[in-house]
Every structure is written in C-alpha cells, then in structure tokens.
Amino acid sequence: MAEKKTKDKKWIQKTEMKKGVFTTKAKRKGITTAQLQENVLSNPDEYNAETIKQARLRQTLVGLKKKKDAKKTEG
C-alpha cells in the first residue's frame, strides 16, 4: 500500500531565499521583476539554474498572493 504524501504547509519558510537578489538582477537589466520572470521562463536556456528557480518561486508566490487577495475580497 502506498503511503499518502502529506502536504507541508510551511514549505515556503524552508526555502533558502536570498532577499532582494532577483530584484537586483532585474534592476541591473533595467526591467521589472515581472519582466525578468517572463524572460527567464520563456528562455530558460539563457539563464543559470538559480535564476530559473528564483523566477519559478516568484511566479508561485505571486499566484499565492493573488489567491489570498481574492479570498479577502469575497468574504
């Protein structure tokens, strides 16, 4: 019998985030973090693995925030 995989609701706190690094990369290029995220995710071959992970994490966190904000406006 396969074990059920439990969801770790605190996974974000366990990530090794270096605050402001992705923003700094975007500012250095003269673009916003959203633009950098789009560039990285559309052309992953042009960026290193760390930058790709940062872009994916930003995408996830923005999505979670939108979901949270939607719940606030509903109720």
N, C-alpha and C. Protein backbone atom coordinates (compact mmCIF):
# COMPACT_ATOMS: atom_id res chain seq x y z
N MET A 1 0.84 -1.17 0.00
CA MET A 1 0.00 0.00 0.00
C MET A 1 0.89 1.24 0.00
N ALA A 2 0.62 2.15 -0.89
CA ALA A 2 1.42 3.37 -0.99
C ALA A 2 1.06 4.34 0.12
N GLU A 3 2.08 4.97 0.67
CA GLU A 3 1.85 5.95 1.74
C GLU A 3 1.34 7.24 1.13
N LYS A 4 0.44 7.88 1.84
CA LYS A 4 -0.05 9.18 1.40
C LYS A 4 1.01 10.23 1.66
N LYS A 5 1.21 11.06 0.69
CA LYS A 5 2.18 12.14 0.85
C LYS A 5 1.47 13.32 1.51
N THR A 6 1.95 13.71 2.66
CA THR A 6 1.32 14.82 3.36
C THR A 6 1.87 16.14 2.83
N LYS A 7 1.00 17.10 2.73
CA LYS A 7 1.41 18.41 2.25
C LYS A 7 2.10 19.16 3.36
N ASP A 8 3.24 19.72 3.05
CA ASP A 8 3.96 20.54 4.00
C ASP A 8 3.53 21.98 3.79
N LYS A 9 2.71 22.50 4.68
CA LYS A 9 2.17 23.83 4.52
C LYS A 9 3.18 24.93 4.85
N LYS A 10 4.33 24.56 5.36
CA LYS A 10 5.37 25.53 5.71
C LYS A 10 6.57 25.44 4.76
N TRP A 11 6.35 25.00 3.52
CA TRP A 11 7.46 24.80 2.60
C TRP A 11 8.13 26.10 2.21
N ILE A 12 7.39 27.20 2.19
CA ILE A 12 7.98 28.47 1.80
C ILE A 12 9.00 28.92 2.83
N GLN A 13 8.70 28.72 4.11
CA GLN A 13 9.63 29.13 5.15
C GLN A 13 10.91 28.32 5.10
N LYS A 14 10.86 27.13 4.53
CA LYS A 14 12.04 26.27 4.47
C LYS A 14 12.93 26.55 3.25
N THR A 15 12.44 27.35 2.31
CA THR A 15 13.26 27.65 1.14
C THR A 15 14.39 28.59 1.52
N GLU A 16 15.47 28.48 0.80
CA GLU A 16 16.62 29.34 1.06
C GLU A 16 16.52 30.57 0.16
N MET A 17 15.74 31.54 0.62
CA MET A 17 15.56 32.76 -0.15
C MET A 17 16.61 33.79 0.25
N LYS A 18 17.20 34.37 -0.75
CA LYS A 18 18.12 35.47 -0.52
C LYS A 18 17.36 36.73 -0.90
N LYS A 19 16.92 37.45 0.09
CA LYS A 19 16.03 38.58 -0.12
C LYS A 19 16.65 39.64 -1.03
N GLY A 20 15.91 40.01 -2.07
CA GLY A 20 16.31 41.09 -2.96
C GLY A 20 17.22 40.72 -4.11
N VAL A 21 17.65 39.49 -4.20
CA VAL A 21 18.60 39.10 -5.25
C VAL A 21 17.94 39.15 -6.63
N PHE A 22 16.74 38.63 -6.74
CA PHE A 22 16.04 38.62 -8.03
C PHE A 22 15.71 40.05 -8.46
N THR A 23 15.31 40.87 -7.50
CA THR A 23 15.01 42.28 -7.78
C THR A 23 16.26 43.00 -8.26
N THR A 24 17.38 42.72 -7.63
CA THR A 24 18.65 43.33 -8.03
C THR A 24 19.02 42.95 -9.45
N LYS A 25 18.81 41.68 -9.79
CA LYS A 25 19.10 41.24 -11.16
C LYS A 25 18.24 41.99 -12.17
N ALA A 26 16.97 42.19 -11.83
CA ALA A 26 16.06 42.90 -12.71
C ALA A 26 16.47 44.36 -12.86
N LYS A 27 16.79 45.01 -11.75
CA LYS A 27 17.20 46.42 -11.79
C LYS A 27 18.47 46.60 -12.61
N ARG A 28 19.40 45.65 -12.48
CA ARG A 28 20.65 45.72 -13.24
C ARG A 28 20.38 45.70 -14.74
N LYS A 29 19.34 44.97 -15.14
CA LYS A 29 18.98 44.90 -16.56
C LYS A 29 18.06 46.05 -16.97
N GLY A 30 17.56 46.80 -15.98
CA GLY A 30 16.69 47.94 -16.28
C GLY A 30 15.25 47.54 -16.55
N ILE A 31 14.81 46.41 -15.97
CA ILE A 31 13.44 45.94 -16.15
C ILE A 31 12.83 45.60 -14.79
N THR A 32 11.53 45.32 -14.79
CA THR A 32 10.86 44.95 -13.55
C THR A 32 11.06 43.47 -13.28
N THR A 33 10.73 43.05 -12.06
CA THR A 33 10.86 41.64 -11.70
C THR A 33 9.88 40.79 -12.52
N ALA A 34 8.71 41.33 -12.82
CA ALA A 34 7.73 40.59 -13.63
C ALA A 34 8.27 40.36 -15.04
N GLN A 35 8.92 41.36 -15.59
CA GLN A 35 9.51 41.22 -16.93
C GLN A 35 10.65 40.22 -16.92
N LEU A 36 11.49 40.27 -15.89
CA LEU A 36 12.59 39.32 -15.78
C LEU A 36 12.05 37.90 -15.64
N GLN A 37 11.03 37.74 -14.82
CA GLN A 37 10.41 36.43 -14.65
C GLN A 37 9.92 35.89 -16.00
N GLU A 38 9.24 36.71 -16.75
CA GLU A 38 8.72 36.29 -18.06
C GLU A 38 9.87 35.93 -19.01
N ASN A 39 10.94 36.73 -19.01
CA ASN A 39 12.10 36.46 -19.86
C ASN A 39 12.75 35.13 -19.49
N VAL A 40 12.92 34.90 -18.19
CA VAL A 40 13.59 33.69 -17.72
C VAL A 40 12.75 32.45 -18.05
N LEU A 41 11.45 32.52 -17.78
CA LEU A 41 10.61 31.34 -18.00
C LEU A 41 10.37 31.06 -19.48
N SER A 42 10.45 32.08 -20.32
CA SER A 42 10.26 31.85 -21.76
C SER A 42 11.56 31.42 -22.44
N ASN A 43 12.73 31.74 -21.86
CA ASN A 43 14.02 31.37 -22.43
C ASN A 43 14.94 30.81 -21.34
N PRO A 44 14.61 29.65 -20.76
CA PRO A 44 15.43 29.13 -19.65
C PRO A 44 16.86 28.77 -20.03
N ASP A 45 17.12 28.52 -21.30
CA ASP A 45 18.47 28.15 -21.73
C ASP A 45 19.46 29.30 -21.59
N GLU A 46 18.95 30.52 -21.53
CA GLU A 46 19.82 31.70 -21.45
C GLU A 46 20.19 32.07 -20.01
N TYR A 47 19.61 31.38 -19.02
CA TYR A 47 19.83 31.73 -17.63
C TYR A 47 20.33 30.53 -16.84
N ASN A 48 20.99 30.81 -15.71
CA ASN A 48 21.50 29.73 -14.87
C ASN A 48 20.37 29.12 -14.03
N ALA A 49 20.63 27.99 -13.42
CA ALA A 49 19.62 27.25 -12.67
C ALA A 49 19.08 28.06 -11.49
N GLU A 50 19.93 28.81 -10.83
CA GLU A 50 19.50 29.60 -9.68
C GLU A 50 18.47 30.66 -10.09
N THR A 51 18.72 31.34 -11.20
CA THR A 51 17.80 32.37 -11.67
C THR A 51 16.48 31.75 -12.10
N ILE A 52 16.52 30.59 -12.69
CA ILE A 52 15.29 29.90 -13.10
C ILE A 52 14.47 29.54 -11.87
N LYS A 53 15.12 29.03 -10.83
CA LYS A 53 14.41 28.70 -9.59
C LYS A 53 13.81 29.94 -8.96
N GLN A 54 14.54 31.04 -8.99
CA GLN A 54 14.03 32.29 -8.43
C GLN A 54 12.80 32.77 -9.19
N ALA A 55 12.83 32.64 -10.51
CA ALA A 55 11.68 33.06 -11.32
C ALA A 55 10.46 32.18 -11.03
N ARG A 56 10.68 30.89 -10.90
CA ARG A 56 9.57 29.98 -10.59
C ARG A 56 9.01 30.27 -9.20
N LEU A 57 9.88 30.56 -8.24
CA LEU A 57 9.43 30.88 -6.89
C LEU A 57 8.62 32.17 -6.90
N ARG A 58 9.07 33.17 -7.65
CA ARG A 58 8.32 34.42 -7.75
C ARG A 58 6.95 34.16 -8.36
N GLN A 59 6.90 33.35 -9.39
CA GLN A 59 5.63 33.02 -10.03
C GLN A 59 4.68 32.37 -9.03
N THR A 60 5.19 31.44 -8.24
CA THR A 60 4.38 30.76 -7.23
C THR A 60 3.88 31.73 -6.18
N LEU A 61 4.78 32.57 -5.66
CA LEU A 61 4.40 33.49 -4.60
C LEU A 61 3.40 34.54 -5.07
N VAL A 62 3.55 35.01 -6.29
CA VAL A 62 2.59 35.97 -6.84
C VAL A 62 1.22 35.31 -6.98
N GLY A 63 1.22 34.06 -7.43
CA GLY A 63 -0.04 33.33 -7.55
C GLY A 63 -0.71 33.11 -6.21
N LEU A 64 0.07 32.78 -5.19
CA LEU A 64 -0.49 32.60 -3.85
C LEU A 64 -1.06 33.90 -3.30
N LYS A 65 -0.38 35.00 -3.56
CA LYS A 65 -0.86 36.29 -3.09
C LYS A 65 -2.17 36.66 -3.78
N LYS A 66 -2.26 36.41 -5.08
CA LYS A 66 -3.50 36.71 -5.81
C LYS A 66 -4.66 35.88 -5.26
N LYS A 67 -4.36 34.61 -4.96
CA LYS A 67 -5.39 33.73 -4.41
C LYS A 67 -5.85 34.22 -3.05
N LYS A 68 -4.89 34.65 -2.23
CA LYS A 68 -5.20 35.15 -0.89
C LYS A 68 -6.01 36.44 -0.97
N ASP A 69 -5.63 37.34 -1.87
CA ASP A 69 -6.35 38.60 -2.04
C ASP A 69 -7.76 38.38 -2.56
N ALA A 70 -7.94 37.39 -3.42
CA ALA A 70 -9.27 37.06 -3.93
C ALA A 70 -10.19 36.58 -2.82
N LYS A 71 -9.64 35.80 -1.90
CA LYS A 71 -10.42 35.31 -0.76
C LYS A 71 -10.85 36.48 0.13
N LYS A 72 -9.96 37.46 0.31
CA LYS A 72 -10.27 38.61 1.16
C LYS A 72 -11.43 39.42 0.59
N THR A 73 -11.45 39.60 -0.72
CA THR A 73 -12.49 40.40 -1.34
C THR A 73 -13.84 39.67 -1.38
N GLU A 74 -13.80 38.34 -1.39
CA GLU A 74 -15.03 37.57 -1.40
C GLU A 74 -15.74 37.61 -0.05
N GLY A 75 -14.98 37.45 1.01
CA GLY A 75 -15.60 37.27 2.31
C GLY A 75 -15.30 38.35 3.21
